[in-house]
Amino acid sequence: MVKALIATCALFALVGCSTAKGSFCTIASPIRPSAETVAAMTDAEVRTVLAHNRKGAALCGWKP
């Protein structure tokens, strides 16, 4: 029983580690939250969204 539980947990851990195939530009898209969403976001969340969108602008040519 314990071995089966350990094996199951290991399987779930491995499945959770899979990544999407492709470049950033093929798998990502700009994040465009509404004004209401931005007002409710923390400073850290806003920085994360800005960093994501700036990366996309630099690598993929996203327009604001």
PDB file of N, CA and C in Angstrom:
ATOM      1  N   MET A   1       0.833  -1.192   0.000  1.00  0.00           N
ATOM      2  CA  MET A   1       0.000   0.000   0.000  1.00  0.00           C
ATOM      3  C   MET A   1       0.871   1.247   0.000  1.00  0.00           C
ATOM      4  N   VAL A   2       1.902   1.283   0.836  1.00  0.00           N
ATOM      5  CA  VAL A   2       2.784   2.444   0.928  1.00  0.00           C
ATOM      6  C   VAL A   2       3.552   2.624  -0.380  1.00  0.00           C
ATOM      7  N   LYS A   3       4.027   1.508  -0.970  1.00  0.00           N
ATOM      8  CA  LYS A   3       4.759   1.584  -2.228  1.00  0.00           C
ATOM      9  C   LYS A   3       3.864   2.133  -3.343  1.00  0.00           C
ATOM     10  N   ALA A   4       2.608   1.726  -3.371  1.00  0.00           N
ATOM     11  CA  ALA A   4       1.674   2.208  -4.380  1.00  0.00           C
ATOM     12  C   ALA A   4       1.433   3.704  -4.213  1.00  0.00           C
ATOM     13  N   LEU A   5       1.331   4.165  -2.971  1.00  0.00           N
ATOM     14  CA  LEU A   5       1.130   5.584  -2.694  1.00  0.00           C
ATOM     15  C   LEU A   5       2.347   6.396  -3.123  1.00  0.00           C
ATOM     16  N   ILE A   6       3.524   5.899  -2.841  1.00  0.00           N
ATOM     17  CA  ILE A   6       4.757   6.580  -3.235  1.00  0.00           C
ATOM     18  C   ILE A   6       4.860   6.633  -4.755  1.00  0.00           C
ATOM     19  N   ALA A   7       4.556   5.524  -5.415  1.00  0.00           N
ATOM     20  CA  ALA A   7       4.612   5.480  -6.879  1.00  0.00           C
ATOM     21  C   ALA A   7       3.612   6.453  -7.491  1.00  0.00           C
ATOM     22  N   THR A   8       2.422   6.533  -6.932  1.00  0.00           N
ATOM     23  CA  THR A   8       1.412   7.454  -7.430  1.00  0.00           C
ATOM     24  C   THR A   8       1.857   8.899  -7.264  1.00  0.00           C
ATOM     25  N   CYS A   9       2.399   9.229  -6.116  1.00  0.00           N
ATOM     26  CA  CYS A   9       2.885  10.590  -5.869  1.00  0.00           C
ATOM     27  C   CYS A   9       4.029  10.946  -6.814  1.00  0.00           C
ATOM     28  N   ALA A  10       4.927   9.992  -7.056  1.00  0.00           N
ATOM     29  CA  ALA A  10       6.034  10.231  -7.978  1.00  0.00           C
ATOM     30  C   ALA A  10       5.508  10.458  -9.393  1.00  0.00           C
ATOM     31  N   LEU A  11       4.516   9.707  -9.794  1.00  0.00           N
ATOM     32  CA  LEU A  11       3.930   9.866 -11.122  1.00  0.00           C
ATOM     33  C   LEU A  11       3.307  11.244 -11.267  1.00  0.00           C
ATOM     34  N   PHE A  12       2.558  11.678 -10.271  1.00  0.00           N
ATOM     35  CA  PHE A  12       1.943  13.003 -10.335  1.00  0.00           C
ATOM     36  C   PHE A  12       3.001  14.100 -10.372  1.00  0.00           C
ATOM     37  N   ALA A  13       4.082  13.925  -9.659  1.00  0.00           N
ATOM     38  CA  ALA A  13       5.162  14.913  -9.656  1.00  0.00           C
ATOM     39  C   ALA A  13       5.798  15.016 -11.037  1.00  0.00           C
ATOM     40  N   LEU A  14       6.002  13.880 -11.690  1.00  0.00           N
ATOM     41  CA  LEU A  14       6.599  13.892 -13.015  1.00  0.00           C
ATOM     42  C   LEU A  14       5.671  14.500 -14.057  1.00  0.00           C
ATOM     43  N   VAL A  15       4.409  14.218 -13.966  1.00  0.00           N
ATOM     44  CA  VAL A  15       3.443  14.763 -14.916  1.00  0.00           C
ATOM     45  C   VAL A  15       3.367  16.277 -14.759  1.00  0.00           C
ATOM     46  N   GLY A  16       3.455  16.769 -13.548  1.00  0.00           N
ATOM     47  CA  GLY A  16       3.395  18.203 -13.300  1.00  0.00           C
ATOM     48  C   GLY A  16       4.605  18.952 -13.795  1.00  0.00           C
ATOM     49  N   CYS A  17       5.688  18.254 -14.116  1.00  0.00           N
ATOM     50  CA  CYS A  17       6.915  18.896 -14.568  1.00  0.00           C
ATOM     51  C   CYS A  17       6.984  19.065 -16.072  1.00  0.00           C
ATOM     52  N   SER A  18       6.003  18.608 -16.804  1.00  0.00           N
ATOM     53  CA  SER A  18       6.069  18.735 -18.255  1.00  0.00           C
ATOM     54  C   SER A  18       5.911  20.199 -18.650  1.00  0.00           C
ATOM     55  N   THR A  19       6.537  20.558 -19.752  1.00  0.00           N
ATOM     56  CA  THR A  19       6.488  21.929 -20.218  1.00  0.00           C
ATOM     57  C   THR A  19       5.879  21.986 -21.608  1.00  0.00           C
ATOM     58  N   ALA A  20       5.389  23.152 -21.969  1.00  0.00           N
ATOM     59  CA  ALA A  20       4.833  23.346 -23.300  1.00  0.00           C
ATOM     60  C   ALA A  20       5.963  23.390 -24.313  1.00  0.00           C
ATOM     61  N   LYS A  21       5.702  22.891 -25.480  1.00  0.00           N
ATOM     62  CA  LYS A  21       6.698  22.882 -26.550  1.00  0.00           C
ATOM     63  C   LYS A  21       6.541  24.161 -27.370  1.00  0.00           C
ATOM     64  N   GLY A  22       7.662  24.722 -27.785  1.00  0.00           N
ATOM     65  CA  GLY A  22       7.625  25.896 -28.642  1.00  0.00           C
ATOM     66  C   GLY A  22       8.329  27.072 -27.999  1.00  0.00           C
ATOM     67  N   SER A  23       8.519  28.090 -28.808  1.00  0.00           N
ATOM     68  CA  SER A  23       9.183  29.289 -28.308  1.00  0.00           C
ATOM     69  C   SER A  23       8.201  30.143 -27.518  1.00  0.00           C
ATOM     70  N   PHE A  24       8.736  31.118 -26.826  1.00  0.00           N
ATOM     71  CA  PHE A  24       7.890  32.035 -26.047  1.00  0.00           C
ATOM     72  C   PHE A  24       6.837  32.666 -26.946  1.00  0.00           C
ATOM     73  N   CYS A  25       7.241  33.069 -28.145  1.00  0.00           N
ATOM     74  CA  CYS A  25       6.327  33.777 -29.043  1.00  0.00           C
ATOM     75  C   CYS A  25       5.188  32.897 -29.558  1.00  0.00           C
ATOM     76  N   THR A  26       5.394  31.587 -29.612  1.00  0.00           N
ATOM     77  CA  THR A  26       4.331  30.714 -30.107  1.00  0.00           C
ATOM     78  C   THR A  26       3.380  30.277 -29.005  1.00  0.00           C
ATOM     79  N   ILE A  27       3.824  30.329 -27.750  1.00  0.00           N
ATOM     80  CA  ILE A  27       2.955  29.841 -26.679  1.00  0.00           C
ATOM     81  C   ILE A  27       2.416  30.946 -25.781  1.00  0.00           C
ATOM     82  N   ALA A  28       2.981  32.155 -25.862  1.00  0.00           N
ATOM     83  CA  ALA A  28       2.542  33.243 -24.984  1.00  0.00           C
ATOM     84  C   ALA A  28       1.758  34.276 -25.780  1.00  0.00           C
ATOM     85  N   SER A  29       0.990  35.055 -25.056  1.00  0.00           N
ATOM     86  CA  SER A  29       0.261  36.169 -25.668  1.00  0.00           C
ATOM     87  C   SER A  29       0.242  37.319 -24.675  1.00  0.00           C
ATOM     88  N   PRO A  30       0.011  38.536 -25.165  1.00  0.00           N
ATOM     89  CA  PRO A  30      -0.006  39.683 -24.263  1.00  0.00           C
ATOM     90  C   PRO A  30      -1.098  39.540 -23.200  1.00  0.00           C
ATOM     91  N   ILE A  31      -0.813  40.071 -22.034  1.00  0.00           N
ATOM     92  CA  ILE A  31      -1.804  40.104 -20.955  1.00  0.00           C
ATOM     93  C   ILE A  31      -2.372  41.509 -20.942  1.00  0.00           C
ATOM     94  N   ARG A  32      -3.672  41.630 -21.156  1.00  0.00           N
ATOM     95  CA  ARG A  32      -4.320  42.932 -21.219  1.00  0.00           C
ATOM     96  C   ARG A  32      -5.493  42.965 -20.242  1.00  0.00           C
ATOM     97  N   PRO A  33      -5.190  43.198 -18.959  1.00  0.00           N
ATOM     98  CA  PRO A  33      -6.265  43.233 -17.964  1.00  0.00           C
ATOM     99  C   PRO A  33      -7.098  44.504 -18.094  1.00  0.00           C
ATOM    100  N   SER A  34      -8.331  44.422 -17.642  1.00  0.00           N
ATOM    101  CA  SER A  34      -9.209  45.595 -17.645  1.00  0.00           C
ATOM    102  C   SER A  34      -8.745  46.584 -16.573  1.00  0.00           C
ATOM    103  N   ALA A  35      -9.251  47.791 -16.634  1.00  0.00           N
ATOM    104  CA  ALA A  35      -8.904  48.816 -15.643  1.00  0.00           C
ATOM    105  C   ALA A  35      -9.320  48.369 -14.243  1.00  0.00           C
ATOM    106  N   GLU A  36     -10.451  47.694 -14.147  1.00  0.00           N
ATOM    107  CA  GLU A  36     -10.917  47.218 -12.844  1.00  0.00           C
ATOM    108  C   GLU A  36      -9.972  46.152 -12.281  1.00  0.00           C
ATOM    109  N   THR A  37      -9.493  45.280 -13.149  1.00  0.00           N
ATOM    110  CA  THR A  37      -8.563  44.243 -12.718  1.00  0.00           C
ATOM    111  C   THR A  37      -7.255  44.856 -12.260  1.00  0.00           C
ATOM    112  N   VAL A  38      -6.747  45.823 -13.022  1.00  0.00           N
ATOM    113  CA  VAL A  38      -5.498  46.489 -12.650  1.00  0.00           C
ATOM    114  C   VAL A  38      -5.639  47.171 -11.298  1.00  0.00           C
ATOM    115  N   ALA A  39      -6.784  47.788 -11.048  1.00  0.00           N
ATOM    116  CA  ALA A  39      -7.012  48.475  -9.774  1.00  0.00           C
ATOM    117  C   ALA A  39      -6.991  47.508  -8.601  1.00  0.00           C
ATOM    118  N   ALA A  40      -7.360  46.250  -8.846  1.00  0.00           N
ATOM    119  CA  ALA A  40      -7.409  45.254  -7.775  1.00  0.00           C
ATOM    120  C   ALA A  40      -6.099  44.482  -7.623  1.00  0.00           C
ATOM    121  N   MET A  41      -5.164  44.668  -8.555  1.00  0.00           N
ATOM    122  CA  MET A  41      -3.913  43.915  -8.523  1.00  0.00           C
ATOM    123  C   MET A  41      -2.937  44.521  -7.519  1.00  0.00           C
ATOM    124  N   THR A  42      -2.078  43.644  -6.984  1.00  0.00           N
ATOM    125  CA  THR A  42      -1.010  44.127  -6.106  1.00  0.00           C
ATOM    126  C   THR A  42       0.103  44.706  -6.974  1.00  0.00           C
ATOM    127  N   ASP A  43       1.009  45.450  -6.347  1.00  0.00           N
ATOM    128  CA  ASP A  43       2.143  46.005  -7.084  1.00  0.00           C
ATOM    129  C   ASP A  43       2.973  44.898  -7.719  1.00  0.00           C
ATOM    130  N   ALA A  44       3.154  43.799  -7.022  1.00  0.00           N
ATOM    131  CA  ALA A  44       3.940  42.680  -7.549  1.00  0.00           C
ATOM    132  C   ALA A  44       3.261  42.075  -8.775  1.00  0.00           C
ATOM    133  N   GLU A  45       1.949  41.951  -8.753  1.00  0.00           N
ATOM    134  CA  GLU A  45       1.223  41.410  -9.904  1.00  0.00           C
ATOM    135  C   GLU A  45       1.343  42.337 -11.113  1.00  0.00           C
ATOM    136  N   VAL A  46       1.249  43.637 -10.874  1.00  0.00           N
ATOM    137  CA  VAL A  46       1.396  44.604 -11.964  1.00  0.00           C
ATOM    138  C   VAL A  46       2.797  44.502 -12.562  1.00  0.00           C
ATOM    139  N   ARG A  47       3.825  44.409 -11.718  1.00  0.00           N
ATOM    140  CA  ARG A  47       5.199  44.269 -12.212  1.00  0.00           C
ATOM    141  C   ARG A  47       5.359  42.999 -13.041  1.00  0.00           C
ATOM    142  N   THR A  48       4.738  41.912 -12.617  1.00  0.00           N
ATOM    143  CA  THR A  48       4.826  40.646 -13.341  1.00  0.00           C
ATOM    144  C   THR A  48       4.186  40.766 -14.719  1.00  0.00           C
ATOM    145  N   VAL A  49       3.012  41.374 -14.790  1.00  0.00           N
ATOM    146  CA  VAL A  49       2.335  41.554 -16.074  1.00  0.00           C
ATOM    147  C   VAL A  49       3.160  42.457 -16.985  1.00  0.00           C
ATOM    148  N   LEU A  50       3.679  43.553 -16.434  1.00  0.00           N
ATOM    149  CA  LEU A  50       4.505  44.462 -17.239  1.00  0.00           C
ATOM    150  C   LEU A  50       5.756  43.763 -17.764  1.00  0.00           C
ATOM    151  N   ALA A  51       6.395  42.969 -16.920  1.00  0.00           N
ATOM    152  CA  ALA A  51       7.593  42.244 -17.350  1.00  0.00           C
ATOM    153  C   ALA A  51       7.259  41.262 -18.473  1.00  0.00           C
ATOM    154  N   HIS A  52       6.149  40.562 -18.340  1.00  0.00           N
ATOM    155  CA  HIS A  52       5.705  39.616 -19.373  1.00  0.00           C
ATOM    156  C   HIS A  52       5.467  40.344 -20.689  1.00  0.00           C
ATOM    157  N   ASN A  53       4.735  41.446 -20.640  1.00  0.00           N
ATOM    158  CA  ASN A  53       4.408  42.184 -21.854  1.00  0.00           C
ATOM    159  C   ASN A  53       5.645  42.842 -22.469  1.00  0.00           C
ATOM    160  N   ARG A  54       6.564  43.308 -21.654  1.00  0.00           N
ATOM    161  CA  ARG A  54       7.807  43.886 -22.184  1.00  0.00           C
ATOM    162  C   ARG A  54       8.663  42.819 -22.865  1.00  0.00           C
ATOM    163  N   LYS A  55       8.694  41.632 -22.285  1.00  0.00           N
ATOM    164  CA  LYS A  55       9.424  40.524 -22.903  1.00  0.00           C
ATOM    165  C   LYS A  55       8.831  40.198 -24.263  1.00  0.00           C
ATOM    166  N   GLY A  56       7.504  40.128 -24.321  1.00  0.00           N
ATOM    167  CA  GLY A  56       6.828  39.856 -25.584  1.00  0.00           C
ATOM    168  C   GLY A  56       7.062  40.945 -26.616  1.00  0.00           C
ATOM    169  N   ALA A  57       7.098  42.188 -26.173  1.00  0.00           N
ATOM    170  CA  ALA A  57       7.360  43.299 -27.100  1.00  0.00           C
ATOM    171  C   ALA A  57       8.773  43.182 -27.651  1.00  0.00           C
ATOM    172  N   ALA A  58       9.722  42.847 -26.806  1.00  0.00           N
ATOM    173  CA  ALA A  58      11.128  42.753 -27.237  1.00  0.00           C
ATOM    174  C   ALA A  58      11.376  41.539 -28.126  1.00  0.00           C
ATOM    175  N   LEU A  59      10.805  40.391 -27.765  1.00  0.00           N
ATOM    176  CA  LEU A  59      11.087  39.153 -28.491  1.00  0.00           C
ATOM    177  C   LEU A  59      10.153  38.898 -29.672  1.00  0.00           C
ATOM    178  N   CYS A  60       8.910  39.325 -29.535  1.00  0.00           N
ATOM    179  CA  CYS A  60       7.882  38.923 -30.512  1.00  0.00           C
ATOM    180  C   CYS A  60       7.295  40.083 -31.283  1.00  0.00           C
ATOM    181  N   GLY A  61       7.642  41.311 -30.912  1.00  0.00           N
ATOM    182  CA  GLY A  61       7.102  42.474 -31.606  1.00  0.00           C
ATOM    183  C   GLY A  61       5.691  42.844 -31.212  1.00  0.00           C
ATOM    184  N   TRP A  62       5.254  42.424 -30.004  1.00  0.00           N
ATOM    185  CA  TRP A  62       3.913  42.797 -29.549  1.00  0.00           C
ATOM    186  C   TRP A  62       3.815  44.303 -29.476  1.00  0.00           C
ATOM    187  N   LYS A  63       2.658  44.828 -29.828  1.00  0.00           N
ATOM    188  CA  LYS A  63       2.383  46.263 -29.745  1.00  0.00           C
ATOM    189  C   LYS A  63       1.504  46.539 -28.538  1.00  0.00           C
ATOM    190  N   PRO A  64       1.726  47.671 -27.881  1.00  0.00           N
ATOM    191  CA  PRO A  64       0.888  48.010 -26.702  1.00  0.00           C
ATOM    192  C   PRO A  64      -0.564  48.228 -27.059  1.00  0.00           C
TER     193      PRO A  64
END
